[in-house]
């Protein structure tokens, strides 16, 4: 499963929203990756996501693979939209 989002926060994906996203995906067993500008990182790694340097308006692709991938994607989508981090493309 995968979805694309546009980051809408005025600071981009800085520490607070990144920590929120990482803590959202940690409880799931599925593997989850975040891709930005052709660079893919493990979304369970706060340092990996922060290293992407995602700016406002940046497009990210989140992909999940595993037994609870659907639930993981639902949780990530809800957090991104309800917390004002971004919007689904």
PDB file of N, CA and C in Angstrom:
ATOM      1  N   UNK A   1       0.842  -1.179   0.000  1.00  0.00           N
ATOM      2  CA  UNK A   1       0.000   0.000   0.000  1.00  0.00           C
ATOM      3  C   UNK A   1       0.878   1.231   0.000  1.00  0.00           C
ATOM      4  N   UNK A   2       0.432   2.259  -0.713  1.00  0.00           N
ATOM      5  CA  UNK A   2       1.172   3.511  -0.680  1.00  0.00           C
ATOM      6  C   UNK A   2       0.258   4.695  -0.958  1.00  0.00           C
ATOM      7  N   UNK A   3       0.669   5.826  -0.422  1.00  0.00           N
ATOM      8  CA  UNK A   3      -0.062   7.080  -0.613  1.00  0.00           C
ATOM      9  C   UNK A   3       0.943   8.213  -0.738  1.00  0.00           C
ATOM     10  N   UNK A   4       0.512   9.268  -1.430  1.00  0.00           N
ATOM     11  CA  UNK A   4       1.337  10.456  -1.580  1.00  0.00           C
ATOM     12  C   UNK A   4       0.670  11.617  -0.859  1.00  0.00           C
ATOM     13  N   UNK A   5       1.485  12.405  -0.176  1.00  0.00           N
ATOM     14  CA  UNK A   5       0.995  13.554   0.585  1.00  0.00           C
ATOM     15  C   UNK A   5       1.822  14.782   0.237  1.00  0.00           C
ATOM     16  N   UNK A   6       1.172  15.934   0.332  1.00  0.00           N
ATOM     17  CA  UNK A   6       1.856  17.215   0.191  1.00  0.00           C
ATOM     18  C   UNK A   6       1.968  17.814   1.579  1.00  0.00           C
ATOM     19  N   UNK A   7       3.172  18.186   1.982  1.00  0.00           N
ATOM     20  CA  UNK A   7       3.404  18.760   3.314  1.00  0.00           C
ATOM     21  C   UNK A   7       2.933  20.214   3.311  1.00  0.00           C
ATOM     22  N   UNK A   8       2.057  20.556   4.262  1.00  0.00           N
ATOM     23  CA  UNK A   8       1.458  21.891   4.293  1.00  0.00           C
ATOM     24  C   UNK A   8       1.872  22.721   5.511  1.00  0.00           C
ATOM     25  N   UNK A   9       2.615  22.132   6.453  1.00  0.00           N
ATOM     26  CA  UNK A   9       3.051  22.919   7.605  1.00  0.00           C
ATOM     27  C   UNK A   9       4.026  23.996   7.138  1.00  0.00           C
ATOM     28  N   UNK A  10       3.992  25.155   7.776  1.00  0.00           N
ATOM     29  CA  UNK A  10       4.832  26.270   7.341  1.00  0.00           C
ATOM     30  C   UNK A  10       6.319  26.003   7.545  1.00  0.00           C
ATOM     31  N   UNK A  11       6.667  25.063   8.424  1.00  0.00           N
ATOM     32  CA  UNK A  11       8.071  24.734   8.676  1.00  0.00           C
ATOM     33  C   UNK A  11       8.514  23.466   7.971  1.00  0.00           C
ATOM     34  N   UNK A  12       7.607  22.810   7.235  1.00  0.00           N
ATOM     35  CA  UNK A  12       7.941  21.519   6.624  1.00  0.00           C
ATOM     36  C   UNK A  12       7.887  20.423   7.678  1.00  0.00           C
ATOM     37  N   UNK A  13       8.578  19.332   7.421  1.00  0.00           N
ATOM     38  CA  UNK A  13       8.588  18.226   8.386  1.00  0.00           C
ATOM     39  C   UNK A  13       9.735  18.449   9.372  1.00  0.00           C
ATOM     40  N   UNK A  14       9.507  19.302  10.348  1.00  0.00           N
ATOM     41  CA  UNK A  14      10.499  19.565  11.388  1.00  0.00           C
ATOM     42  C   UNK A  14      10.320  18.552  12.518  1.00  0.00           C
ATOM     43  N   UNK A  15      10.988  18.748  13.621  1.00  0.00           N
ATOM     44  CA  UNK A  15      11.057  17.748  14.690  1.00  0.00           C
ATOM     45  C   UNK A  15       9.702  17.302  15.240  1.00  0.00           C
ATOM     46  N   UNK A  16       8.815  18.237  15.548  1.00  0.00           N
ATOM     47  CA  UNK A  16       7.549  17.866  16.187  1.00  0.00           C
ATOM     48  C   UNK A  16       6.668  16.986  15.294  1.00  0.00           C
ATOM     49  N   UNK A  17       6.363  17.404  14.049  1.00  0.00           N
ATOM     50  CA  UNK A  17       5.524  16.522  13.220  1.00  0.00           C
ATOM     51  C   UNK A  17       6.229  15.219  12.852  1.00  0.00           C
ATOM     52  N   UNK A  18       7.543  15.257  12.722  1.00  0.00           N
ATOM     53  CA  UNK A  18       8.276  14.022  12.422  1.00  0.00           C
ATOM     54  C   UNK A  18       8.155  13.048  13.581  1.00  0.00           C
ATOM     55  N   UNK A  19       8.327  13.539  14.800  1.00  0.00           N
ATOM     56  CA  UNK A  19       8.192  12.681  15.981  1.00  0.00           C
ATOM     57  C   UNK A  19       6.786  12.101  16.077  1.00  0.00           C
ATOM     58  N   UNK A  20       5.796  12.899  15.742  1.00  0.00           N
ATOM     59  CA  UNK A  20       4.412  12.433  15.766  1.00  0.00           C
ATOM     60  C   UNK A  20       4.196  11.305  14.751  1.00  0.00           C
ATOM     61  N   UNK A  21       4.728  11.475  13.559  1.00  0.00           N
ATOM     62  CA  UNK A  21       4.581  10.445  12.523  1.00  0.00           C
ATOM     63  C   UNK A  21       5.320   9.162  12.898  1.00  0.00           C
ATOM     64  N   UNK A  22       6.540   9.299  13.392  1.00  0.00           N
ATOM     65  CA  UNK A  22       7.321   8.121  13.777  1.00  0.00           C
ATOM     66  C   UNK A  22       6.623   7.378  14.916  1.00  0.00           C
ATOM     67  N   UNK A  23       6.121   8.103  15.912  1.00  0.00           N
ATOM     68  CA  UNK A  23       5.434   7.436  17.026  1.00  0.00           C
ATOM     69  C   UNK A  23       4.131   6.782  16.579  1.00  0.00           C
ATOM     70  N   UNK A  24       3.539   7.291  15.502  1.00  0.00           N
ATOM     71  CA  UNK A  24       2.315   6.683  14.965  1.00  0.00           C
ATOM     72  C   UNK A  24       2.609   5.329  14.324  1.00  0.00           C
ATOM     73  N   UNK A  25       3.713   5.207  13.615  1.00  0.00           N
ATOM     74  CA  UNK A  25       3.999   3.962  12.886  1.00  0.00           C
ATOM     75  C   UNK A  25       4.738   2.918  13.713  1.00  0.00           C
ATOM     76  N   UNK A  26       5.388   3.318  14.794  1.00  0.00           N
ATOM     77  CA  UNK A  26       6.197   2.382  15.594  1.00  0.00           C
ATOM     78  C   UNK A  26       5.438   1.142  16.087  1.00  0.00           C
ATOM     79  N   UNK A  27       4.198   1.257  16.554  1.00  0.00           N
ATOM     80  CA  UNK A  27       3.524   0.064  17.087  1.00  0.00           C
ATOM     81  C   UNK A  27       3.171  -0.994  16.031  1.00  0.00           C
ATOM     82  N   UNK A  28       3.225  -0.633  14.768  1.00  0.00           N
ATOM     83  CA  UNK A  28       2.823  -1.570  13.720  1.00  0.00           C
ATOM     84  C   UNK A  28       3.981  -2.495  13.341  1.00  0.00           C
ATOM     85  N   UNK A  29       3.620  -3.717  12.927  1.00  0.00           N
ATOM     86  CA  UNK A  29       4.614  -4.714  12.537  1.00  0.00           C
ATOM     87  C   UNK A  29       5.102  -4.505  11.106  1.00  0.00           C
ATOM     88  N   UNK A  30       4.285  -3.889  10.279  1.00  0.00           N
ATOM     89  CA  UNK A  30       4.625  -3.708   8.869  1.00  0.00           C
ATOM     90  C   UNK A  30       5.863  -2.842   8.694  1.00  0.00           C
ATOM     91  N   UNK A  31       6.562  -3.088   7.593  1.00  0.00           N
ATOM     92  CA  UNK A  31       7.657  -2.216   7.193  1.00  0.00           C
ATOM     93  C   UNK A  31       7.033  -0.978   6.567  1.00  0.00           C
ATOM     94  N   UNK A  32       7.607   0.187   6.846  1.00  0.00           N
ATOM     95  CA  UNK A  32       7.052   1.423   6.297  1.00  0.00           C
ATOM     96  C   UNK A  32       8.201   2.333   5.873  1.00  0.00           C
ATOM     97  N   UNK A  33       8.104   2.823   4.641  1.00  0.00           N
ATOM     98  CA  UNK A  33       9.135   3.690   4.089  1.00  0.00           C
ATOM     99  C   UNK A  33       8.539   5.030   3.700  1.00  0.00           C
ATOM    100  N   UNK A  34       9.380   6.058   3.787  1.00  0.00           N
ATOM    101  CA  UNK A  34       9.012   7.392   3.338  1.00  0.00           C
ATOM    102  C   UNK A  34       9.997   7.767   2.232  1.00  0.00           C
ATOM    103  N   UNK A  35       9.449   8.181   1.091  1.00  0.00           N
ATOM    104  CA  UNK A  35      10.277   8.579  -0.044  1.00  0.00           C
ATOM    105  C   UNK A  35      10.035  10.047  -0.351  1.00  0.00           C
ATOM    106  N   UNK A  36      11.140  10.778  -0.516  1.00  0.00           N
ATOM    107  CA  UNK A  36      11.088  12.203  -0.881  1.00  0.00           C
ATOM    108  C   UNK A  36      12.247  12.452  -1.831  1.00  0.00           C
ATOM    109  N   UNK A  37      11.929  12.987  -3.003  1.00  0.00           N
ATOM    110  CA  UNK A  37      12.967  13.293  -4.012  1.00  0.00           C
ATOM    111  C   UNK A  37      13.877  12.095  -4.275  1.00  0.00           C
ATOM    112  N   UNK A  38      13.277  10.951  -4.544  1.00  0.00           N
ATOM    113  CA  UNK A  38      14.002   9.722  -4.903  1.00  0.00           C
ATOM    114  C   UNK A  38      14.901   9.154  -3.807  1.00  0.00           C
ATOM    115  N   UNK A  39      14.733   9.617  -2.567  1.00  0.00           N
ATOM    116  CA  UNK A  39      15.481   9.041  -1.451  1.00  0.00           C
ATOM    117  C   UNK A  39      14.490   8.406  -0.487  1.00  0.00           C
ATOM    118  N   UNK A  40      14.707   7.130  -0.202  1.00  0.00           N
ATOM    119  CA  UNK A  40      13.793   6.379   0.658  1.00  0.00           C
ATOM    120  C   UNK A  40      14.462   6.059   1.990  1.00  0.00           C
ATOM    121  N   UNK A  41      13.695   6.261   3.068  1.00  0.00           N
ATOM    122  CA  UNK A  41      14.189   5.959   4.414  1.00  0.00           C
ATOM    123  C   UNK A  41      13.133   5.165   5.177  1.00  0.00           C
ATOM    124  N   UNK A  42      13.593   4.481   6.209  1.00  0.00           N
ATOM    125  CA  UNK A  42      12.696   3.772   7.113  1.00  0.00           C
ATOM    126  C   UNK A  42      11.927   4.818   7.913  1.00  0.00           C
ATOM    127  N   UNK A  43      10.604   4.784   7.835  1.00  0.00           N
ATOM    128  CA  UNK A  43       9.796   5.799   8.508  1.00  0.00           C
ATOM    129  C   UNK A  43       9.764   5.608  10.033  1.00  0.00           C
ATOM    130  N   UNK A  44      10.297   4.500  10.516  1.00  0.00           N
ATOM    131  CA  UNK A  44      10.370   4.278  11.956  1.00  0.00           C
ATOM    132  C   UNK A  44      11.639   4.891  12.543  1.00  0.00           C
ATOM    133  N   UNK A  45      12.433   5.546  11.699  1.00  0.00           N
ATOM    134  CA  UNK A  45      13.675   6.186  12.136  1.00  0.00           C
ATOM    135  C   UNK A  45      13.501   7.702  12.098  1.00  0.00           C
ATOM    136  N   UNK A  46      13.422   8.322  13.274  1.00  0.00           N
ATOM    137  CA  UNK A  46      13.237   9.776  13.308  1.00  0.00           C
ATOM    138  C   UNK A  46      14.410  10.487  12.642  1.00  0.00           C
ATOM    139  N   UNK A  47      15.619   9.990  12.826  1.00  0.00           N
ATOM    140  CA  UNK A  47      16.783  10.615  12.204  1.00  0.00           C
ATOM    141  C   UNK A  47      16.742  10.477  10.681  1.00  0.00           C
ATOM    142  N   UNK A  48      16.287   9.326  10.203  1.00  0.00           N
ATOM    143  CA  UNK A  48      16.180   9.123   8.761  1.00  0.00           C
ATOM    144  C   UNK A  48      15.187  10.075   8.130  1.00  0.00           C
ATOM    145  N   UNK A  49      14.034  10.245   8.771  1.00  0.00           N
ATOM    146  CA  UNK A  49      13.004  11.144   8.239  1.00  0.00           C
ATOM    147  C   UNK A  49      13.479  12.595   8.323  1.00  0.00           C
ATOM    148  N   UNK A  50      14.078  12.977   9.444  1.00  0.00           N
ATOM    149  CA  UNK A  50      14.574  14.349   9.603  1.00  0.00           C
ATOM    150  C   UNK A  50      15.652  14.673   8.564  1.00  0.00           C
ATOM    151  N   UNK A  51      16.478  13.684   8.241  1.00  0.00           N
ATOM    152  CA  UNK A  51      17.573  13.890   7.284  1.00  0.00           C
ATOM    153  C   UNK A  51      17.063  14.193   5.875  1.00  0.00           C
ATOM    154  N   UNK A  52      15.798  13.895   5.620  1.00  0.00           N
ATOM    155  CA  UNK A  52      15.232  14.164   4.298  1.00  0.00           C
ATOM    156  C   UNK A  52      15.114  15.665   4.029  1.00  0.00           C
ATOM    157  N   UNK A  53      15.024  16.469   5.076  1.00  0.00           N
ATOM    158  CA  UNK A  53      14.920  17.918   4.887  1.00  0.00           C
ATOM    159  C   UNK A  53      13.691  18.322   4.092  1.00  0.00           C
ATOM    160  N   UNK A  54      12.535  17.795   4.466  1.00  0.00           N
ATOM    161  CA  UNK A  54      11.297  18.026   3.706  1.00  0.00           C
ATOM    162  C   UNK A  54      10.740  19.411   4.028  1.00  0.00           C
ATOM    163  N   UNK A  55      10.646  20.231   3.003  1.00  0.00           N
ATOM    164  CA  UNK A  55      10.210  21.619   3.139  1.00  0.00           C
ATOM    165  C   UNK A  55       8.716  21.762   2.860  1.00  0.00           C
ATOM    166  N   UNK A  56       8.124  22.904   3.220  1.00  0.00           N
ATOM    167  CA  UNK A  56       6.702  23.123   2.930  1.00  0.00           C
ATOM    168  C   UNK A  56       6.441  22.947   1.434  1.00  0.00           C
ATOM    169  N   UNK A  57       5.365  22.255   1.124  1.00  0.00           N
ATOM    170  CA  UNK A  57       5.007  21.984  -0.261  1.00  0.00           C
ATOM    171  C   UNK A  57       5.660  20.739  -0.819  1.00  0.00           C
ATOM    172  N   UNK A  58       6.555  20.141  -0.043  1.00  0.00           N
ATOM    173  CA  UNK A  58       7.237  18.924  -0.493  1.00  0.00           C
ATOM    174  C   UNK A  58       6.275  17.754  -0.604  1.00  0.00           C
ATOM    175  N   UNK A  59       6.528  16.895  -1.579  1.00  0.00           N
ATOM    176  CA  UNK A  59       5.717  15.694  -1.761  1.00  0.00           C
ATOM    177  C   UNK A  59       6.440  14.509  -1.152  1.00  0.00           C
ATOM    178  N   UNK A  60       5.706  13.732  -0.366  1.00  0.00           N
ATOM    179  CA  UNK A  60       6.257  12.513   0.207  1.00  0.00           C
ATOM    180  C   UNK A  60       5.382  11.343  -0.193  1.00  0.00           C
ATOM    181  N   UNK A  61       6.016  10.200  -0.365  1.00  0.00           N
ATOM    182  CA  UNK A  61       5.291   8.963  -0.648  1.00  0.00           C
ATOM    183  C   UNK A  61       5.546   8.042   0.531  1.00  0.00           C
ATOM    184  N   UNK A  62       4.475   7.533   1.107  1.00  0.00           N
ATOM    185  CA  UNK A  62       4.588   6.603   2.226  1.00  0.00           C
ATOM    186  C   UNK A  62       4.090   5.250   1.742  1.00  0.00           C
ATOM    187  N   UNK A  63       4.927   4.228   1.926  1.00  0.00           N
ATOM    188  CA  UNK A  63       4.531   2.882   1.520  1.00  0.00           C
ATOM    189  C   UNK A  63       4.697   1.928   2.691  1.00  0.00           C
ATOM    190  N   UNK A  64       3.756   1.011   2.808  1.00  0.00           N
ATOM    191  CA  UNK A  64       3.774   0.043   3.902  1.00  0.00           C
ATOM    192  C   UNK A  64       3.551  -1.355   3.332  1.00  0.00           C
ATOM    193  N   UNK A  65       4.243  -2.318   3.929  1.00  0.00           N
ATOM    194  CA  UNK A  65       4.132  -3.690   3.481  1.00  0.00           C
ATOM    195  C   UNK A  65       4.165  -4.603   4.704  1.00  0.00           C
ATOM    196  N   UNK A  66       3.115  -5.393   4.862  1.00  0.00           N
ATOM    197  CA  UNK A  66       3.052  -6.317   5.998  1.00  0.00           C
ATOM    198  C   UNK A  66       1.624  -6.608   6.402  1.00  0.00           C
ATOM    199  N   UNK A  67       1.486  -7.365   7.463  1.00  0.00           N
ATOM    200  CA  UNK A  67       0.176  -7.847   7.874  1.00  0.00           C
ATOM    201  C   UNK A  67      -0.783  -6.758   8.341  1.00  0.00           C
ATOM    202  N   UNK A  68      -0.255  -5.650   8.862  1.00  0.00           N
ATOM    203  CA  UNK A  68      -1.124  -4.569   9.336  1.00  0.00           C
ATOM    204  C   UNK A  68      -0.910  -3.277   8.546  1.00  0.00           C
ATOM    205  N   UNK A  69      -0.491  -3.430   7.286  1.00  0.00           N
ATOM    206  CA  UNK A  69      -0.188  -2.266   6.439  1.00  0.00           C
ATOM    207  C   UNK A  69      -1.405  -1.363   6.249  1.00  0.00           C
ATOM    208  N   UNK A  70      -2.574  -1.956   6.090  1.00  0.00           N
ATOM    209  CA  UNK A  70      -3.773  -1.145   5.866  1.00  0.00           C
ATOM    210  C   UNK A  70      -4.085  -0.280   7.084  1.00  0.00           C
ATOM    211  N   UNK A  71      -4.002  -0.859   8.272  1.00  0.00           N
ATOM    212  CA  UNK A  71      -4.263  -0.106   9.503  1.00  0.00           C
ATOM    213  C   UNK A  71      -3.198   0.973   9.701  1.00  0.00           C
ATOM    214  N   UNK A  72      -1.950   0.659   9.382  1.00  0.00           N
ATOM    215  CA  UNK A  72      -0.869   1.630   9.494  1.00  0.00           C
ATOM    216  C   UNK A  72      -1.138   2.828   8.596  1.00  0.00           C
ATOM    217  N   UNK A  73      -1.517   2.575   7.354  1.00  0.00           N
ATOM    218  CA  UNK A  73      -1.772   3.663   6.413  1.00  0.00           C
ATOM    219  C   UNK A  73      -2.962   4.512   6.850  1.00  0.00           C
ATOM    220  N   UNK A  74      -3.986   3.873   7.418  1.00  0.00           N
ATOM    221  CA  UNK A  74      -5.137   4.625   7.928  1.00  0.00           C
ATOM    222  C   UNK A  74      -4.702   5.544   9.061  1.00  0.00           C
ATOM    223  N   UNK A  75      -3.872   5.031   9.965  1.00  0.00           N
ATOM    224  CA  UNK A  75      -3.405   5.823  11.113  1.00  0.00           C
ATOM    225  C   UNK A  75      -2.538   6.992  10.646  1.00  0.00           C
ATOM    226  N   UNK A  76      -1.620   6.741   9.723  1.00  0.00           N
ATOM    227  CA  UNK A  76      -0.737   7.802   9.218  1.00  0.00           C
ATOM    228  C   UNK A  76      -1.551   8.874   8.499  1.00  0.00           C
ATOM    229  N   UNK A  77      -2.492   8.454   7.665  1.00  0.00           N
ATOM    230  CA  UNK A  77      -3.329   9.400   6.928  1.00  0.00           C
ATOM    231  C   UNK A  77      -4.103  10.287   7.896  1.00  0.00           C
ATOM    232  N   UNK A  78      -4.687   9.672   8.927  1.00  0.00           N
ATOM    233  CA  UNK A  78      -5.462  10.437   9.909  1.00  0.00           C
ATOM    234  C   UNK A  78      -4.589  11.466  10.624  1.00  0.00           C
ATOM    235  N   UNK A  79      -3.396  11.067  11.034  1.00  0.00           N
ATOM    236  CA  UNK A  79      -2.491  11.987  11.741  1.00  0.00           C
ATOM    237  C   UNK A  79      -2.064  13.130  10.822  1.00  0.00           C
ATOM    238  N   UNK A  80      -1.676  12.815   9.605  1.00  0.00           N
ATOM    239  CA  UNK A  80      -1.218  13.857   8.673  1.00  0.00           C
ATOM    240  C   UNK A  80      -2.317  14.887   8.425  1.00  0.00           C
ATOM    241  N   UNK A  81      -3.541  14.427   8.241  1.00  0.00           N
ATOM    242  CA  UNK A  81      -4.637  15.346   7.925  1.00  0.00           C
ATOM    243  C   UNK A  81      -5.143  16.075   9.170  1.00  0.00           C
ATOM    244  N   UNK A  82      -5.423  15.346  10.245  1.00  0.00           N
ATOM    245  CA  UNK A  82      -6.026  15.979  11.424  1.00  0.00           C
ATOM    246  C   UNK A  82      -5.050  16.887  12.179  1.00  0.00           C
ATOM    247  N   UNK A  83      -3.769  16.609  12.099  1.00  0.00           N
ATOM    248  CA  UNK A  83      -2.777  17.441  12.796  1.00  0.00           C
ATOM    249  C   UNK A  83      -2.234  18.563  11.909  1.00  0.00           C
ATOM    250  N   UNK A  84      -2.768  18.699  10.705  1.00  0.00           N
ATOM    251  CA  UNK A  84      -2.369  19.800   9.831  1.00  0.00           C
ATOM    252  C   UNK A  84      -0.974  19.671   9.253  1.00  0.00           C
ATOM    253  N   UNK A  85      -0.469  18.442   9.178  1.00  0.00           N
ATOM    254  CA  UNK A  85       0.878  18.225   8.640  1.00  0.00           C
ATOM    255  C   UNK A  85       0.867  18.292   7.111  1.00  0.00           C
ATOM    256  N   UNK A  86      -0.197  17.772   6.522  1.00  0.00           N
ATOM    257  CA  UNK A  86      -0.260  17.757   5.066  1.00  0.00           C
ATOM    258  C   UNK A  86      -1.620  17.355   4.568  1.00  0.00           C
ATOM    259  N   UNK A  87      -1.675  17.139   3.254  1.00  0.00           N
ATOM    260  CA  UNK A  87      -2.921  16.726   2.605  1.00  0.00           C
ATOM    261  C   UNK A  87      -2.620  15.602   1.628  1.00  0.00           C
ATOM    262  N   UNK A  88      -3.608  14.725   1.458  1.00  0.00           N
ATOM    263  CA  UNK A  88      -3.438  13.607   0.535  1.00  0.00           C
ATOM    264  C   UNK A  88      -3.520  14.094  -0.901  1.00  0.00           C
ATOM    265  N   UNK A  89      -2.634  13.572  -1.739  1.00  0.00           N
ATOM    266  CA  UNK A  89      -2.627  13.946  -3.161  1.00  0.00           C
ATOM    267  C   UNK A  89      -3.421  12.948  -3.982  1.00  0.00           C
TER     268      UNK A  89
END
